[in-house]
Protein backbone atom coordinates (compact mmCIF):
# COMPACT_ATOMS: atom_id res chain seq x y z
CA UNK A 1 58.87 49.61 -69.90
CA UNK A 2 59.44 50.48 -66.23
CA UNK A 3 61.79 48.22 -64.27
CA UNK A 4 60.07 46.56 -61.32
CA UNK A 5 61.92 46.68 -58.00
CA UNK A 6 61.43 43.23 -56.48
CA UNK A 7 61.96 42.18 -52.86
CA UNK A 8 65.11 40.22 -53.73
CA UNK A 9 66.85 43.10 -55.51
CA UNK A 10 69.88 44.82 -54.01
CA UNK A 11 68.87 48.31 -52.85
CA UNK A 12 71.32 50.94 -51.58
CA UNK A 13 69.92 53.67 -49.32
CA UNK A 14 72.50 56.47 -49.09
CA UNK A 15 71.75 58.45 -45.95
CA UNK A 16 69.99 55.66 -44.04
CA UNK A 17 70.78 57.29 -40.68
CA UNK A 18 68.76 60.43 -41.38
CA UNK A 19 65.10 61.35 -41.33
CA UNK A 20 64.38 60.36 -44.94
CA UNK A 21 66.82 57.47 -45.15
CA UNK A 22 65.37 55.91 -42.02
CA UNK A 23 61.86 56.18 -43.43
CA UNK A 24 63.01 54.62 -46.71
CA UNK A 25 64.52 51.64 -44.88
CA UNK A 26 61.27 51.16 -42.92
CA UNK A 27 59.20 51.33 -46.11
CA UNK A 28 61.44 48.90 -47.99
CA UNK A 29 61.35 46.38 -45.14
CA UNK A 30 57.55 46.71 -44.96
CA UNK A 31 57.39 45.74 -48.64
CA UNK A 32 59.50 42.65 -48.05
CA UNK A 33 62.92 43.89 -49.15
CA UNK A 34 65.70 41.99 -47.42
CA UNK A 35 68.80 42.98 -49.40
CA UNK A 36 69.12 46.60 -48.25
CA UNK A 37 72.65 48.04 -48.39
CA UNK A 38 73.65 50.79 -45.97
CA UNK A 39 76.89 52.46 -44.87
CA UNK A 40 77.48 55.08 -42.19
CA UNK A 41 79.73 58.06 -42.87
CA UNK A 42 82.52 56.52 -40.80
CA UNK A 43 82.44 53.47 -43.08
CA UNK A 44 82.06 55.33 -46.37
CA UNK A 45 82.81 59.00 -47.03
CA UNK A 46 80.61 59.84 -50.01
CA UNK A 47 82.86 62.81 -50.83
CA UNK A 48 85.66 60.36 -51.68
CA UNK A 49 85.32 59.43 -55.33
CA UNK A 50 87.61 56.39 -55.20
CA UNK A 51 85.91 55.02 -52.09
CA UNK A 52 82.46 55.45 -53.60
CA UNK A 53 83.51 53.81 -56.85
CA UNK A 54 85.04 50.85 -54.96
CA UNK A 55 81.89 50.50 -52.86
CA UNK A 56 79.65 50.36 -55.94
CA UNK A 57 81.99 47.92 -57.68
CA UNK A 58 81.93 45.63 -54.65
CA UNK A 59 78.26 45.85 -53.67
CA UNK A 60 76.66 46.20 -57.11
CA UNK A 61 73.33 47.70 -56.03
CA UNK A 62 70.55 47.51 -58.59
CA UNK A 63 68.52 50.40 -57.16
CA UNK A 64 69.79 53.50 -55.37
CA UNK A 65 67.99 56.05 -53.19
CA UNK A 66 70.25 59.10 -52.84
CA UNK A 67 69.04 60.60 -49.55
CA UNK A 68 72.48 61.63 -48.24
CA UNK A 69 73.48 65.26 -47.86
CA UNK A 70 75.21 67.76 -45.66
CA UNK A 71 72.34 69.73 -44.18
CA UNK A 72 71.69 72.49 -41.66
CA UNK A 73 69.59 75.49 -40.77
CA UNK A 74 69.87 79.10 -41.88
CA UNK A 75 72.82 79.86 -39.59
CA UNK A 76 74.86 76.89 -40.78
CA UNK A 77 74.08 77.56 -44.45
CA UNK A 78 74.95 81.25 -44.07
CA UNK A 79 78.25 80.82 -42.23
CA UNK A 80 79.62 77.68 -43.96
CA UNK A 81 78.42 77.95 -47.57
CA UNK A 82 81.61 76.56 -49.11
CA UNK A 83 81.22 73.34 -47.09
CA UNK A 84 77.58 72.97 -48.09
CA UNK A 85 78.37 73.53 -51.76
CA UNK A 86 81.47 71.33 -51.95
CA UNK A 87 80.23 68.43 -49.83
CA UNK A 88 76.85 68.19 -51.57
CA UNK A 89 78.35 68.54 -55.04
CA UNK A 90 80.82 65.75 -54.30
CA UNK A 91 78.21 63.44 -52.76
CA UNK A 92 75.89 63.84 -55.76
CA UNK A 93 78.61 63.61 -58.40
CA UNK A 94 80.27 60.55 -56.87
CA UNK A 95 77.08 58.55 -56.22
CA UNK A 96 75.40 59.40 -59.53
CA UNK A 97 78.53 58.72 -61.59
CA UNK A 98 79.28 55.45 -59.79
CA UNK A 99 75.68 54.37 -60.34
CA UNK A 100 76.09 55.01 -64.05
CA UNK A 101 79.46 53.30 -64.35
CA UNK A 102 78.35 50.15 -62.50
CA UNK A 103 75.08 49.83 -64.39
CA UNK A 104 72.57 50.61 -61.63
CA UNK A 105 69.07 49.88 -62.94
CA UNK A 106 67.51 53.00 -61.44
CA UNK A 107 68.45 55.87 -59.12
CA UNK A 108 66.22 58.29 -57.25
CA UNK A 109 67.89 61.57 -56.29
CA UNK A 110 66.29 63.49 -53.42
CA UNK A 111 66.51 67.26 -53.13
CA UNK A 112 64.51 70.08 -51.60
CA UNK A 113 62.08 72.77 -52.67
CA UNK A 114 64.78 75.33 -51.82
CA UNK A 115 65.93 74.76 -55.42
CA UNK A 116 63.21 77.14 -56.63
CA UNK A 117 63.76 80.88 -57.03
CA UNK A 118 63.24 83.08 -53.98
CA UNK A 119 60.41 85.00 -55.63
CA UNK A 120 58.82 82.16 -57.59
CA UNK A 121 55.04 82.22 -57.82
CA UNK A 122 53.09 80.14 -55.29
CA UNK A 123 52.37 77.24 -55.42
CA UNK A 124 55.89 76.29 -56.54
CA UNK A 125 55.81 74.58 -59.93
CA UNK A 126 58.58 72.39 -61.33
CA UNK A 127 58.97 74.66 -64.35
CA UNK A 128 59.98 77.54 -62.05
CA UNK A 129 63.44 75.97 -61.72
CA UNK A 130 66.24 78.31 -62.91
CA UNK A 131 63.85 81.18 -63.67
CA UNK A 132 65.15 83.61 -61.02
CA UNK A 133 67.61 84.24 -58.16
CA UNK A 134 67.74 81.84 -55.23
CA UNK A 135 67.26 82.64 -51.54
CA UNK A 136 70.64 84.00 -50.38
CA UNK A 137 70.70 82.17 -47.05
CA UNK A 138 70.76 78.69 -48.63
CA UNK A 139 71.97 79.44 -52.15
CA UNK A 140 75.06 77.21 -51.92
CA UNK A 141 73.03 74.20 -50.81
CA UNK A 142 70.37 74.89 -53.47
CA UNK A 143 72.98 75.16 -56.25
CA UNK A 144 74.39 71.76 -55.27
CA UNK A 145 70.90 70.24 -55.33
CA UNK A 146 70.17 71.81 -58.73
CA UNK A 147 73.45 70.36 -60.02
CA UNK A 148 72.35 66.91 -58.85
CA UNK A 149 69.10 67.22 -60.82
CA UNK A 150 71.06 68.31 -63.87
CA UNK A 151 73.48 65.40 -63.48
CA UNK A 152 70.60 62.94 -63.43
CA UNK A 153 69.00 64.55 -66.46
CA UNK A 154 72.21 64.67 -68.49
CA UNK A 155 73.18 61.07 -67.71
CA UNK A 156 69.68 60.21 -68.92
CA UNK A 157 70.10 62.32 -72.08
CA UNK A 158 73.61 61.12 -72.97
CA UNK A 159 73.61 57.53 -71.75
CA UNK A 160 69.96 56.60 -71.21
CA UNK A 161 70.47 56.17 -67.46
CA UNK A 162 67.17 55.83 -65.61
CA UNK A 163 67.86 58.51 -63.00
CA UNK A 164 65.02 60.61 -61.54
CA UNK A 165 64.74 63.43 -58.98
CA UNK A 166 62.15 64.14 -56.28
CA UNK A 167 61.83 67.44 -54.37
CA UNK A 168 59.98 67.09 -51.05
CA UNK A 169 58.39 69.97 -49.14
CA UNK A 170 58.95 70.53 -45.38
CA UNK A 171 59.27 67.15 -43.70
CA UNK A 172 58.63 65.87 -40.20
CA UNK A 173 58.18 62.57 -38.41
CA UNK A 174 60.03 59.88 -36.43
CA UNK A 175 63.77 60.48 -36.46
CA UNK A 176 63.49 64.25 -36.82
CA UNK A 177 65.92 66.74 -35.28
CA UNK A 178 64.57 68.10 -31.99
CA UNK A 179 67.63 70.18 -31.10
CA UNK A 180 66.32 73.70 -30.39
CA UNK A 181 69.48 75.26 -31.84
CA UNK A 182 69.17 73.54 -35.19
CA UNK A 183 65.71 72.08 -35.68
CA UNK A 184 62.91 73.29 -37.90
CA UNK A 185 59.70 74.84 -36.62
CA UNK A 186 57.55 71.75 -36.13
CA UNK A 187 59.94 69.56 -34.09
CA UNK A 188 61.09 72.64 -32.17
CA UNK A 189 57.50 73.40 -31.15
CA UNK A 190 56.93 69.77 -30.12
CA UNK A 191 59.95 69.83 -27.85
CA UNK A 192 59.14 73.25 -26.38
CA UNK A 193 55.57 72.26 -25.59
CA UNK A 194 56.49 68.90 -24.09
CA UNK A 195 59.09 70.64 -21.89
CA UNK A 196 56.65 73.39 -20.90
CA UNK A 197 53.90 70.88 -20.12
CA UNK A 198 56.17 68.87 -17.85
CA UNK A 199 57.53 72.00 -16.16
CA UNK A 200 53.99 73.42 -15.82
CA UNK A 201 55.20 76.60 -17.51
CA UNK A 202 52.37 79.10 -18.17
CA UNK A 203 53.48 80.06 -21.71
CA UNK A 204 55.44 78.82 -24.70
CA UNK A 205 57.20 81.37 -26.89
CA UNK A 206 56.71 80.97 -30.65
CA UNK A 207 58.94 82.87 -33.05
CA UNK A 208 57.23 85.36 -35.33
CA UNK A 209 53.66 86.52 -35.75
CA UNK A 210 52.23 83.06 -36.47
CA UNK A 211 50.82 84.21 -39.82
CA UNK A 212 53.24 82.62 -42.37
CA UNK A 213 51.77 79.67 -44.24
CA UNK A 214 53.69 76.40 -44.47
CA UNK A 215 53.17 72.93 -45.91
CA UNK A 216 54.21 69.80 -44.00
CA UNK A 217 54.65 66.24 -45.29
CA UNK A 218 55.11 63.22 -43.03
CA UNK A 219 58.37 61.47 -43.86
CA UNK A 220 56.61 58.09 -44.19
CA UNK A 221 54.47 59.61 -46.95
CA UNK A 222 57.66 60.76 -48.67
CA UNK A 223 59.09 57.24 -48.43
CA UNK A 224 55.88 55.89 -49.96
CA UNK A 225 56.18 58.45 -52.78
CA UNK A 226 59.80 57.44 -53.39
CA UNK A 227 58.88 53.78 -53.78
CA UNK A 228 56.02 54.80 -56.08
CA UNK A 229 58.32 56.93 -58.24
CA UNK A 230 60.96 54.21 -58.35
CA UNK A 231 58.38 51.76 -59.66
CA UNK A 232 56.27 53.89 -61.96
CA UNK A 233 58.05 57.01 -63.20
CA UNK A 234 60.91 57.63 -65.62
CA UNK A 235 61.10 61.32 -66.50
CA UNK A 236 63.70 64.08 -66.35
CA UNK A 237 63.46 67.15 -64.16
CA UNK A 238 62.38 67.63 -60.57
CA UNK A 239 59.14 66.10 -59.29
CA UNK A 240 57.52 67.88 -56.35
CA UNK A 241 56.37 65.73 -53.43
CA UNK A 242 54.02 67.32 -50.91
CA UNK A 243 50.46 67.62 -49.75
CA UNK A 244 49.49 70.72 -51.72
CA UNK A 245 47.91 72.00 -48.48
CA UNK A 246 49.23 74.65 -46.13
CA UNK A 247 48.29 76.23 -42.83
CA UNK A 248 49.58 79.04 -40.64
CA UNK A 249 52.29 78.60 -38.04
CA UNK A 250 49.68 79.61 -35.46
CA UNK A 251 47.42 76.76 -36.59
CA UNK A 252 50.33 74.31 -36.47
CA UNK A 253 51.23 75.45 -32.96
CA UNK A 254 47.63 75.06 -31.82
CA UNK A 255 47.48 71.52 -33.21
CA UNK A 256 50.73 70.58 -31.47
CA UNK A 257 49.44 72.06 -28.22
CA UNK A 258 46.32 69.89 -28.51
CA UNK A 259 48.31 66.70 -29.22
CA UNK A 260 50.74 67.34 -26.35
CA UNK A 261 47.88 68.35 -24.04
CA UNK A 262 49.66 71.54 -23.00
CA UNK A 263 47.18 73.80 -21.15
CA UNK A 264 49.25 77.00 -21.23
CA UNK A 265 49.24 79.97 -23.57
CA UNK A 266 51.15 80.51 -26.82
CA UNK A 267 53.13 83.76 -26.88
CA UNK A 268 53.93 84.84 -30.44
CA UNK A 269 57.08 86.97 -30.57
CA UNK A 270 56.55 89.33 -33.50
CA UNK A 271 60.05 90.78 -32.98
CA UNK A 272 61.46 87.55 -34.44
CA UNK A 273 61.55 87.08 -38.22
CA UNK A 274 58.62 85.41 -39.99
CA UNK A 275 60.50 84.34 -43.10
CA UNK A 276 58.69 83.87 -46.41
CA UNK A 277 54.95 84.67 -46.07
CA UNK A 278 53.98 81.50 -47.93
CA UNK A 279 55.76 78.42 -49.27
CA UNK A 280 53.70 75.66 -50.83
CA UNK A 281 54.37 73.17 -53.61
CA UNK A 282 52.31 72.51 -56.70
CA UNK A 283 51.82 68.72 -56.58
CA UNK A 284 49.58 68.40 -59.63
CA UNK A 285 52.30 66.54 -61.54
CA UNK A 286 52.73 63.70 -59.02
CA UNK A 287 48.96 63.59 -58.49
CA UNK A 288 48.52 63.06 -62.22
CA UNK A 289 51.04 60.22 -62.00
CA UNK A 290 48.79 58.52 -59.44
CA UNK A 291 50.32 59.30 -56.03
CA UNK A 292 48.68 61.20 -53.13
CA UNK A 293 49.73 61.61 -49.53
CA UNK A 294 47.84 59.55 -46.93
CA UNK A 295 48.87 60.79 -43.47
CA UNK A 296 46.90 63.74 -42.09
CA UNK A 297 48.74 66.35 -40.06
CA UNK A 298 46.76 65.37 -36.96
CA UNK A 299 47.75 61.72 -37.30
CA UNK A 300 51.33 62.61 -38.18
CA UNK A 301 51.73 64.95 -35.21
CA UNK A 302 50.37 62.29 -32.87
CA UNK A 303 52.85 59.64 -33.95
CA UNK A 304 55.74 62.13 -34.05
CA UNK A 305 55.03 63.32 -30.49
CA UNK A 306 54.78 59.69 -29.36
CA UNK A 307 58.11 58.90 -31.04
CA UNK A 308 59.78 61.91 -29.43
CA UNK A 309 58.53 60.96 -25.96
CA UNK A 310 59.86 57.43 -26.43
CA UNK A 311 63.25 58.48 -27.82
CA UNK A 312 64.02 61.92 -26.39
CA UNK A 313 66.89 60.60 -24.30
CA UNK A 314 68.63 59.75 -27.58
CA UNK A 315 67.80 62.95 -29.46
CA UNK A 316 68.76 65.65 -26.96
CA UNK A 317 71.52 68.01 -28.02
CA UNK A 318 73.09 67.18 -31.36
CA UNK A 319 72.35 63.47 -31.68
CA UNK A 320 70.35 63.98 -34.86
CA UNK A 321 71.59 67.33 -36.12
CA UNK A 322 71.28 67.25 -39.88
CA UNK A 323 68.38 64.83 -39.99
CA UNK A 324 65.60 67.37 -39.81
CA UNK A 325 65.91 68.97 -43.22
CA UNK A 326 64.67 65.96 -45.02
CA UNK A 327 68.01 64.44 -45.89
CA UNK A 328 70.37 62.11 -44.17
CA UNK A 329 72.95 62.66 -41.51
CA UNK A 330 75.94 64.80 -42.41
CA UNK A 331 77.58 62.62 -45.00
CA UNK A 332 75.79 59.29 -45.15
C-alpha cells in the first residue's frame, strides 16, 4: 500500500534554491505542508558523506525530494566533466544512502532525459536506457544520473527501500537561469526579446535554423508530477515527465515574441549549430498512471515573462547559474 504524504510530515527538499527545488517548495506549501526542511550549499555540502549522514540523523525527514545537482550547459559539461561526474555521484550516493540508513519513508530522485542514448528512437522511451552510447558533450553528467537511478533501484531490490526516479524533459518557468552565457534556449530568447523591445532594436538573433523540434514543460507542472509520483507510484526505473508535445524553435521564438510584444524581426543564424533535430519524451507511462500536464506553453510563457520582468534585477549575470537545467543550484 502506498504511503500517504500528509501535511504534518517532515519533507526534505534537496536543491530548494534551484528551478525545480523552488517549484517543489511552492507546491508543498500550496498543499498545506509546513514542516519543509531545506539547507543551502553553504550550510550543507551534499558531497560530504559525514555531513549528510549527520544531517539526516538530526533532522529525520520522512520524505525526500532529491533535486540537487551540479549543472551547466554544453561548455561547462565539456570542459569540466570530472567535476560533473564526481560531484553528482557523491550527491546522489550520500543522499540516497543516508535516506536508506535513517529509514526515510520515500525518496524521489530527479534526473534528466540526457540519460538516454544519443541515437535513441524518438519519442524517448524509458526502456531505451543503457541501449546505446550517450551524447559526448554531457556524458559525465548523464552517467552520474544513471548511477542515481541504479542506486534507487538496487536499494529497492536489496532492502525494499521505496525510492523512485523521475526524468523531466526541458524545463522552464519562474526561477530559471536568464544568463545569456549559460541559459537554455527559452529563457535566453525571453531575455533577448525583452532587451531588444526596450532598446527598440530592429532584430533579434536566434541561433540555428529554427527547425529543430523541442519539448518544454513548465516547472510547476513538474512539481505537480513529483507530488503525484510521491503519493501514487512505487516502481523501479526512470519515469519520464513531459508534455509529449513538441514544436520548432522558430515556433517557440514566435510565441515568445508575441508574449513580450516585440515588434521587430527574428534573424535565424544558420551558421550556428542546431543540435539534435528532435528530442521528445514518450510520456505514455506516466499518463497511464494518471498524471497529465496542465499548463499550456502560452500560459507558461506569459507567467515566466512576467516573473522575469519582476525579478530581472536579481537574475542578471550569474545569480541563478545552474538553476536552468531543471535541477538545483550548484550543490544544494
